PDB file of all heavy atoms in Angstrom:
ATOM      1  N   ALA A   1       6.769  41.077 102.355  1.00  0.00           N
ATOM      2  CA  ALA A   1       7.465  41.175 101.135  1.00  0.00           C
ATOM      3  C   ALA A   1       8.787  40.338 101.153  1.00  0.00           C
ATOM      4  O   ALA A   1       9.498  40.379 102.122  1.00  0.00           O
ATOM      5  CB  ALA A   1       7.816  42.613 100.796  1.00  0.00           C
ATOM      6  N   ALA A   2       8.956  39.579 100.154  1.00  0.00           N
ATOM      7  CA  ALA A   2      10.270  38.764  99.993  1.00  0.00           C
ATOM      8  C   ALA A   2      10.834  39.051  98.623  1.00  0.00           C
ATOM      9  O   ALA A   2      10.239  39.666  97.714  1.00  0.00           O
ATOM     10  CB  ALA A   2       9.874  37.280 100.123  1.00  0.00           C
ATOM     11  N   VAL A   3      12.042  38.610  98.459  1.00  0.00           N
ATOM     12  CA  VAL A   3      12.733  38.836  97.146  1.00  0.00           C
ATOM     13  C   VAL A   3      12.013  38.042  96.069  1.00  0.00           C
ATOM     14  O   VAL A   3      11.853  38.506  94.948  1.00  0.00           O
ATOM     15  CB  VAL A   3      14.154  38.377  97.257  1.00  0.00           C
ATOM     16  CG1 VAL A   3      14.848  38.425  95.882  1.00  0.00           C
ATOM     17  CG2 VAL A   3      14.962  39.314  98.292  1.00  0.00           C
ATOM     18  N   GLU A   4      11.531  36.841  96.433  1.00  0.00           N
ATOM     19  CA  GLU A   4      10.813  36.073  95.477  1.00  0.00           C
ATOM     20  C   GLU A   4       9.424  36.612  95.282  1.00  0.00           C
ATOM     21  O   GLU A   4       8.646  36.715  96.255  1.00  0.00           O
ATOM     22  CB  GLU A   4      10.673  34.605  95.955  1.00  0.00           C
ATOM     23  CG  GLU A   4      10.001  33.652  95.015  1.00  0.00           C
ATOM     24  CD  GLU A   4      10.823  33.374  93.736  1.00  0.00           C
ATOM     25  OE1 GLU A   4      12.097  33.550  93.814  1.00  0.00           O
ATOM     26  OE2 GLU A   4      10.246  32.994  92.715  1.00  0.00           O
ATOM     27  N   PRO A   5       9.015  37.025  94.024  1.00  0.00           N
ATOM     28  CA  PRO A   5       7.659  37.644  93.845  1.00  0.00           C
ATOM     29  C   PRO A   5       6.558  36.628  94.273  1.00  0.00           C
ATOM     30  O   PRO A   5       6.717  35.429  94.068  1.00  0.00           O
ATOM     31  CB  PRO A   5       7.629  37.964  92.393  1.00  0.00           C
ATOM     32  CG  PRO A   5       9.090  38.009  91.932  1.00  0.00           C
ATOM     33  CD  PRO A   5       9.776  37.059  92.845  1.00  0.00           C
ATOM     34  N   ARG A   6       5.521  37.178  94.782  1.00  0.00           N
ATOM     35  CA  ARG A   6       4.420  36.346  95.237  1.00  0.00           C
ATOM     36  C   ARG A   6       3.071  37.016  94.912  1.00  0.00           C
ATOM     37  O   ARG A   6       2.874  38.197  95.254  1.00  0.00           O
ATOM     38  CB  ARG A   6       4.423  36.024  96.737  1.00  0.00           C
ATOM     39  CG  ARG A   6       3.285  35.250  97.286  1.00  0.00           C
ATOM     40  CD  ARG A   6       3.477  34.915  98.697  1.00  0.00           C
ATOM     41  NE  ARG A   6       3.683  36.042  99.575  1.00  0.00           N
ATOM     42  CZ  ARG A   6       4.146  35.916 100.788  1.00  0.00           C
ATOM     43  NH1 ARG A   6       4.531  34.808 101.328  1.00  0.00           N
ATOM     44  NH2 ARG A   6       4.327  37.084 101.534  1.00  0.00           N
ATOM     45  N   GLU A   7       2.152  36.385  94.233  1.00  0.00           N
ATOM     46  CA  GLU A   7       0.856  36.951  93.929  1.00  0.00           C
ATOM     47  C   GLU A   7      -0.051  36.687  95.072  1.00  0.00           C
ATOM     48  O   GLU A   7      -0.156  35.638  95.695  1.00  0.00           O
ATOM     49  CB  GLU A   7       0.221  36.264  92.718  1.00  0.00           C
ATOM     50  CG  GLU A   7      -1.019  36.943  92.262  1.00  0.00           C
ATOM     51  CD  GLU A   7      -1.601  36.476  90.984  1.00  0.00           C
ATOM     52  OE1 GLU A   7      -2.111  35.306  90.983  1.00  0.00           O
ATOM     53  OE2 GLU A   7      -1.569  37.193  89.965  1.00  0.00           O
ATOM     54  N   VAL A   8      -0.778  37.750  95.433  1.00  0.00           N
ATOM     55  CA  VAL A   8      -1.707  37.775  96.611  1.00  0.00           C
ATOM     56  C   VAL A   8      -3.076  38.217  96.160  1.00  0.00           C
ATOM     57  O   VAL A   8      -3.249  39.231  95.429  1.00  0.00           O
ATOM     58  CB  VAL A   8      -1.197  38.699  97.733  1.00  0.00           C
ATOM     59  CG1 VAL A   8      -2.137  38.668  98.859  1.00  0.00           C
ATOM     60  CG2 VAL A   8       0.208  38.176  98.167  1.00  0.00           C
ATOM     61  N   GLN A   9      -4.106  37.478  96.593  1.00  0.00           N
ATOM     62  CA  GLN A   9      -5.480  37.915  96.295  1.00  0.00           C
ATOM     63  C   GLN A   9      -5.862  38.820  97.468  1.00  0.00           C
ATOM     64  O   GLN A   9      -5.869  38.476  98.630  1.00  0.00           O
ATOM     65  CB  GLN A   9      -6.435  36.761  96.249  1.00  0.00           C
ATOM     66  CG  GLN A   9      -7.846  37.098  95.893  1.00  0.00           C
ATOM     67  CD  GLN A   9      -8.822  35.958  96.029  1.00  0.00           C
ATOM     68  OE1 GLN A   9      -9.409  35.758  97.040  1.00  0.00           O
ATOM     69  NE2 GLN A   9      -8.955  35.234  94.900  1.00  0.00           N
ATOM     70  N   LEU A  10      -6.093  40.145  97.115  1.00  0.00           N
ATOM     71  CA  LEU A  10      -6.479  41.133  98.140  1.00  0.00           C
ATOM     72  C   LEU A  10      -7.959  41.165  98.445  1.00  0.00           C
ATOM     73  O   LEU A  10      -8.359  41.559  99.559  1.00  0.00           O
ATOM     74  CB  LEU A  10      -5.992  42.511  97.655  1.00  0.00           C
ATOM     75  CG  LEU A  10      -4.524  42.696  97.404  1.00  0.00           C
ATOM     76  CD1 LEU A  10      -4.246  44.102  96.883  1.00  0.00           C
ATOM     77  CD2 LEU A  10      -3.680  42.346  98.611  1.00  0.00           C
ATOM     78  N   ALA A  11      -8.744  40.801  97.461  1.00  0.00           N
ATOM     79  CA  ALA A  11     -10.214  40.888  97.653  1.00  0.00           C
ATOM     80  C   ALA A  11     -10.899  39.965  96.653  1.00  0.00           C
ATOM     81  O   ALA A  11     -10.333  39.607  95.627  1.00  0.00           O
ATOM     82  CB  ALA A  11     -10.761  42.294  97.459  1.00  0.00           C
ATOM     83  N   GLU A  12     -12.085  39.460  97.000  1.00  0.00           N
ATOM     84  CA  GLU A  12     -12.826  38.614  96.164  1.00  0.00           C
ATOM     85  C   GLU A  12     -14.228  39.195  96.073  1.00  0.00           C
ATOM     86  O   GLU A  12     -14.822  39.792  96.945  1.00  0.00           O
ATOM     87  CB  GLU A  12     -12.844  37.211  96.701  1.00  0.00           C
ATOM     88  CG  GLU A  12     -13.559  36.163  95.837  1.00  0.00           C
ATOM     89  CD  GLU A  12     -13.587  34.770  96.477  1.00  0.00           C
ATOM     90  OE1 GLU A  12     -13.437  34.710  97.727  1.00  0.00           O
ATOM     91  OE2 GLU A  12     -13.780  33.814  95.718  1.00  0.00           O
ATOM     92  N   ALA A  13     -14.882  38.978  94.851  1.00  0.00           N
ATOM     93  CA  ALA A  13     -16.203  39.457  94.702  1.00  0.00           C
ATOM     94  C   ALA A  13     -17.129  38.861  95.722  1.00  0.00           C
ATOM     95  O   ALA A  13     -16.962  37.736  96.201  1.00  0.00           O
ATOM     96  CB  ALA A  13     -16.721  39.044  93.280  1.00  0.00           C
ATOM     97  N   TYR A  14     -18.185  39.605  96.070  1.00  0.00           N
ATOM     98  CA  TYR A  14     -19.104  39.149  97.066  1.00  0.00           C
ATOM     99  C   TYR A  14     -19.706  37.772  96.794  1.00  0.00           C
ATOM    100  O   TYR A  14     -20.022  36.982  97.707  1.00  0.00           O
ATOM    101  CB  TYR A  14     -20.169  40.210  97.233  1.00  0.00           C
ATOM    102  CG  TYR A  14     -21.084  39.976  98.487  1.00  0.00           C
ATOM    103  CD1 TYR A  14     -20.542  40.131  99.728  1.00  0.00           C
ATOM    104  CD2 TYR A  14     -22.390  39.578  98.399  1.00  0.00           C
ATOM    105  CE1 TYR A  14     -21.319  39.916 100.891  1.00  0.00           C
ATOM    106  CE2 TYR A  14     -23.198  39.366  99.467  1.00  0.00           C
ATOM    107  CZ  TYR A  14     -22.619  39.548 100.749  1.00  0.00           C
ATOM    108  OH  TYR A  14     -23.410  39.308 101.853  1.00  0.00           O
ATOM    109  N   CYS A  15     -19.890  37.438  95.519  1.00  0.00           N
ATOM    110  CA  CYS A  15     -20.383  36.107  95.160  1.00  0.00           C
ATOM    111  C   CYS A  15     -19.236  35.142  95.272  1.00  0.00           C
ATOM    112  O   CYS A  15     -19.078  34.463  96.285  1.00  0.00           O
ATOM    113  CB  CYS A  15     -20.993  36.141  93.724  1.00  0.00           C
ATOM    114  SG  CYS A  15     -19.992  37.104  92.512  1.00  0.00           S
ATOM    115  N   THR A  16     -18.359  35.057  94.236  1.00  0.00           N
ATOM    116  CA  THR A  16     -17.172  34.252  94.326  1.00  0.00           C
ATOM    117  C   THR A  16     -16.255  34.727  93.239  1.00  0.00           C
ATOM    118  O   THR A  16     -16.695  35.479  92.330  1.00  0.00           O
ATOM    119  CB  THR A  16     -17.396  32.744  94.063  1.00  0.00           C
ATOM    120  OG1 THR A  16     -17.958  32.594  92.725  1.00  0.00           O
ATOM    121  CG2 THR A  16     -18.294  32.122  95.071  1.00  0.00           C
ATOM    122  N   GLU A  17     -14.997  34.378  93.244  1.00  0.00           N
ATOM    123  CA  GLU A  17     -14.076  34.714  92.156  1.00  0.00           C
ATOM    124  C   GLU A  17     -14.524  34.184  90.850  1.00  0.00           C
ATOM    125  O   GLU A  17     -14.373  34.859  89.829  1.00  0.00           O
ATOM    126  CB  GLU A  17     -12.621  34.337  92.563  1.00  0.00           C
ATOM    127  CG  GLU A  17     -11.628  34.669  91.444  1.00  0.00           C
ATOM    128  CD  GLU A  17     -10.190  34.298  91.717  1.00  0.00           C
ATOM    129  OE1 GLU A  17     -10.005  33.584  92.730  1.00  0.00           O
ATOM    130  OE2 GLU A  17      -9.264  34.675  90.994  1.00  0.00           O
ATOM    131  N   GLY A  18     -14.963  32.900  90.894  1.00  0.00           N
ATOM    132  CA  GLY A  18     -15.393  32.283  89.678  1.00  0.00           C
ATOM    133  C   GLY A  18     -16.570  32.973  89.035  1.00  0.00           C
ATOM    134  O   GLY A  18     -16.723  32.866  87.796  1.00  0.00           O
ATOM    135  N   CYS A  19     -17.312  33.752  89.774  1.00  0.00           N
ATOM    136  CA  CYS A  19     -18.472  34.457  89.228  1.00  0.00           C
ATOM    137  C   CYS A  19     -18.042  35.854  88.733  1.00  0.00           C
ATOM    138  O   CYS A  19     -18.276  36.167  87.544  1.00  0.00           O
ATOM    139  CB  CYS A  19     -19.633  34.555  90.244  1.00  0.00           C
ATOM    140  SG  CYS A  19     -21.098  35.386  89.641  1.00  0.00           S
ATOM    141  N   CYS A  20     -17.594  36.692  89.627  1.00  0.00           N
ATOM    142  CA  CYS A  20     -17.384  38.106  89.274  1.00  0.00           C
ATOM    143  C   CYS A  20     -15.946  38.519  89.513  1.00  0.00           C
ATOM    144  O   CYS A  20     -15.642  39.745  89.508  1.00  0.00           O
ATOM    145  CB  CYS A  20     -18.321  38.978  90.049  1.00  0.00           C
ATOM    146  SG  CYS A  20     -20.047  38.833  89.531  1.00  0.00           S
ATOM    147  N   GLY A  21     -15.025  37.579  89.788  1.00  0.00           N
ATOM    148  CA  GLY A  21     -13.616  37.922  89.807  1.00  0.00           C
ATOM    149  C   GLY A  21     -13.096  38.272  91.169  1.00  0.00           C
ATOM    150  O   GLY A  21     -13.711  38.161  92.199  1.00  0.00           O
ATOM    151  N   ALA A  22     -11.834  38.705  91.134  1.00  0.00           N
ATOM    152  CA  ALA A  22     -11.057  39.049  92.389  1.00  0.00           C
ATOM    153  C   ALA A  22     -10.009  40.025  91.998  1.00  0.00           C
ATOM    154  O   ALA A  22      -9.733  40.290  90.833  1.00  0.00           O
ATOM    155  CB  ALA A  22     -10.500  37.781  93.057  1.00  0.00           C
ATOM    156  N   LEU A  23      -9.410  40.623  93.058  1.00  0.00           N
ATOM    157  CA  LEU A  23      -8.320  41.579  92.871  1.00  0.00           C
ATOM    158  C   LEU A  23      -7.012  40.947  93.308  1.00  0.00           C
ATOM    159  O   LEU A  23      -6.907  40.532  94.532  1.00  0.00           O
ATOM    160  CB  LEU A  23      -8.559  42.871  93.683  1.00  0.00           C
ATOM    161  CG  LEU A  23      -7.465  43.919  93.562  1.00  0.00           C
ATOM    162  CD1 LEU A  23      -7.385  44.499  92.155  1.00  0.00           C
ATOM    163  CD2 LEU A  23      -7.747  45.025  94.581  1.00  0.00           C
ATOM    164  N   HIS A  24      -6.011  40.782  92.449  1.00  0.00           N
ATOM    165  CA  HIS A  24      -4.758  40.209  92.736  1.00  0.00           C
ATOM    166  C   HIS A  24      -3.628  41.222  92.506  1.00  0.00           C
ATOM    167  O   HIS A  24      -3.783  42.024  91.576  1.00  0.00           O
ATOM    168  CB  HIS A  24      -4.454  38.965  91.878  1.00  0.00           C
ATOM    169  CG  HIS A  24      -5.427  37.819  92.076  1.00  0.00           C
ATOM    170  ND1 HIS A  24      -6.634  37.766  91.465  1.00  0.00           N
ATOM    171  CD2 HIS A  24      -5.312  36.705  92.831  1.00  0.00           C
ATOM    172  CE1 HIS A  24      -7.238  36.659  91.839  1.00  0.00           C
ATOM    173  NE2 HIS A  24      -6.490  35.989  92.639  1.00  0.00           N
ATOM    174  N   VAL A  25      -2.579  41.075  93.241  1.00  0.00           N
ATOM    175  CA  VAL A  25      -1.342  41.889  93.082  1.00  0.00           C
ATOM    176  C   VAL A  25      -0.179  41.014  93.298  1.00  0.00           C
ATOM    177  O   VAL A  25      -0.231  40.028  94.146  1.00  0.00           O
ATOM    178  CB  VAL A  25      -1.327  43.126  93.925  1.00  0.00           C
ATOM    179  CG1 VAL A  25      -1.203  42.766  95.387  1.00  0.00           C
ATOM    180  CG2 VAL A  25      -0.261  44.101  93.514  1.00  0.00           C
ATOM    181  N   THR A  26       1.011  41.289  92.678  1.00  0.00           N
ATOM    182  CA  THR A  26       2.230  40.612  92.919  1.00  0.00           C
ATOM    183  C   THR A  26       3.100  41.528  93.813  1.00  0.00           C
ATOM    184  O   THR A  26       3.303  42.735  93.563  1.00  0.00           O
ATOM    185  CB  THR A  26       2.968  40.273  91.619  1.00  0.00           C
ATOM    186  OG1 THR A  26       2.197  39.420  90.853  1.00  0.00           O
ATOM    187  CG2 THR A  26       4.332  39.661  91.916  1.00  0.00           C
ATOM    188  N   ILE A  27       3.547  41.017  94.921  1.00  0.00           N
ATOM    189  CA  ILE A  27       4.314  41.716  95.955  1.00  0.00           C
ATOM    190  C   ILE A  27       5.702  41.136  95.920  1.00  0.00           C
ATOM    191  O   ILE A  27       5.889  39.879  96.039  1.00  0.00           O
ATOM    192  CB  ILE A  27       3.702  41.562  97.363  1.00  0.00           C
ATOM    193  CG1 ILE A  27       2.261  42.139  97.326  1.00  0.00           C
ATOM    194  CG2 ILE A  27       4.582  42.279  98.353  1.00  0.00           C
ATOM    195  CD1 ILE A  27       1.550  41.929  98.660  1.00  0.00           C
ATOM    196  N   HIS A  28       6.749  42.004  95.861  1.00  0.00           N
ATOM    197  CA  HIS A  28       8.118  41.528  96.009  1.00  0.00           C
ATOM    198  C   HIS A  28       9.030  42.667  96.425  1.00  0.00           C
ATOM    199  O   HIS A  28       8.699  43.842  96.354  1.00  0.00           O
ATOM    200  CB  HIS A  28       8.646  40.876  94.755  1.00  0.00           C
ATOM    201  CG  HIS A  28       8.966  41.819  93.635  1.00  0.00           C
ATOM    202  ND1 HIS A  28      10.239  41.978  93.182  1.00  0.00           N
ATOM    203  CD2 HIS A  28       8.201  42.666  92.893  1.00  0.00           C
ATOM    204  CE1 HIS A  28      10.235  42.880  92.211  1.00  0.00           C
ATOM    205  NE2 HIS A  28       9.003  43.270  92.005  1.00  0.00           N
ATOM    206  N   ARG A  29      10.195  42.291  96.932  1.00  0.00           N
ATOM    207  CA  ARG A  29      11.134  43.276  97.486  1.00  0.00           C
ATOM    208  C   ARG A  29      12.268  43.524  96.427  1.00  0.00           C
ATOM    209  O   ARG A  29      12.818  42.568  95.852  1.00  0.00           O
ATOM    210  CB  ARG A  29      11.696  42.695  98.790  1.00  0.00           C
ATOM    211  CG  ARG A  29      12.655  43.658  99.556  1.00  0.00           C
ATOM    212  CD  ARG A  29      13.171  42.945 100.750  1.00  0.00           C
ATOM    213  NE  ARG A  29      12.104  42.576 101.661  1.00  0.00           N
ATOM    214  CZ  ARG A  29      11.641  43.360 102.635  1.00  0.00           C
ATOM    215  NH1 ARG A  29      12.123  44.646 102.790  1.00  0.00           N
ATOM    216  NH2 ARG A  29      10.659  42.970 103.395  1.00  0.00           N
ATOM    217  N   GLU A  30      12.500  44.792  96.244  1.00  0.00           N
ATOM    218  CA  GLU A  30      13.581  45.165  95.338  1.00  0.00           C
ATOM    219  C   GLU A  30      14.511  46.158  96.116  1.00  0.00           C
ATOM    220  O   GLU A  30      14.304  47.305  96.230  1.00  0.00           O
ATOM    221  CB  GLU A  30      13.123  45.913  94.108  1.00  0.00           C
ATOM    222  CG  GLU A  30      12.439  45.023  93.081  1.00  0.00           C
ATOM    223  CD  GLU A  30      12.091  45.798  91.810  1.00  0.00           C
ATOM    224  OE1 GLU A  30      12.332  47.001  91.742  1.00  0.00           O
ATOM    225  OE2 GLU A  30      11.497  45.154  90.850  1.00  0.00           O
ATOM    226  N   GLY A  31      15.577  45.602  96.671  1.00  0.00           N
ATOM    227  CA  GLY A  31      16.506  46.450  97.446  1.00  0.00           C
ATOM    228  C   GLY A  31      15.836  47.056  98.651  1.00  0.00           C
ATOM    229  O   GLY A  31      15.295  46.340  99.479  1.00  0.00           O
ATOM    230  N   ASP A  32      15.832  48.338  98.715  1.00  0.00           N
ATOM    231  CA  ASP A  32      15.215  49.100  99.884  1.00  0.00           C
ATOM    232  C   ASP A  32      13.788  49.505  99.561  1.00  0.00           C
ATOM    233  O   ASP A  32      13.296  50.374 100.183  1.00  0.00           O
ATOM    234  CB  ASP A  32      16.075  50.287 100.269  1.00  0.00           C
ATOM    235  CG  ASP A  32      16.183  51.276  99.152  1.00  0.00           C
ATOM    236  OD1 ASP A  32      15.674  51.018  97.985  1.00  0.00           O
ATOM    237  OD2 ASP A  32      16.803  52.363  99.292  1.00  0.00           O
ATOM    238  N   GLN A  33      13.194  48.839  98.570  1.00  0.00           N
ATOM    239  CA  GLN A  33      11.796  49.122  98.275  1.00  0.00           C
ATOM    240  C   GLN A  33      10.948  47.863  98.143  1.00  0.00           C
ATOM    241  O   GLN A  33      11.485  46.800  97.885  1.00  0.00           O
ATOM    242  CB  GLN A  33      11.646  49.881  96.902  1.00  0.00           C
ATOM    243  CG  GLN A  33      12.198  51.265  96.950  1.00  0.00           C
ATOM    244  CD  GLN A  33      11.940  52.056  95.671  1.00  0.00           C
ATOM    245  OE1 GLN A  33      11.927  51.467  94.560  1.00  0.00           O
ATOM    246  NE2 GLN A  33      11.667  53.358  95.824  1.00  0.00           N
ATOM    247  N   VAL A  34       9.669  47.992  98.461  1.00  0.00           N
ATOM    248  CA  VAL A  34       8.694  46.923  98.258  1.00  0.00           C
ATOM    249  C   VAL A  34       7.758  47.360  97.106  1.00  0.00           C
ATOM    250  O   VAL A  34       7.261  48.506  97.068  1.00  0.00           O
ATOM    251  CB  VAL A  34       7.825  46.660  99.507  1.00  0.00           C
ATOM    252  CG1 VAL A  34       6.728  45.636  99.189  1.00  0.00           C
ATOM    253  CG2 VAL A  34       8.779  46.045 100.616  1.00  0.00           C
TER     254      VAL A  34
END
């Protein structure tokens, strides 16, 4: 985690992202929390 937000792909469909998608989240640090 950094102060600058960053999007991360956590998982991808068994085929490909272009076919059935993927799971993304944005991770960033806010003070004493992530």
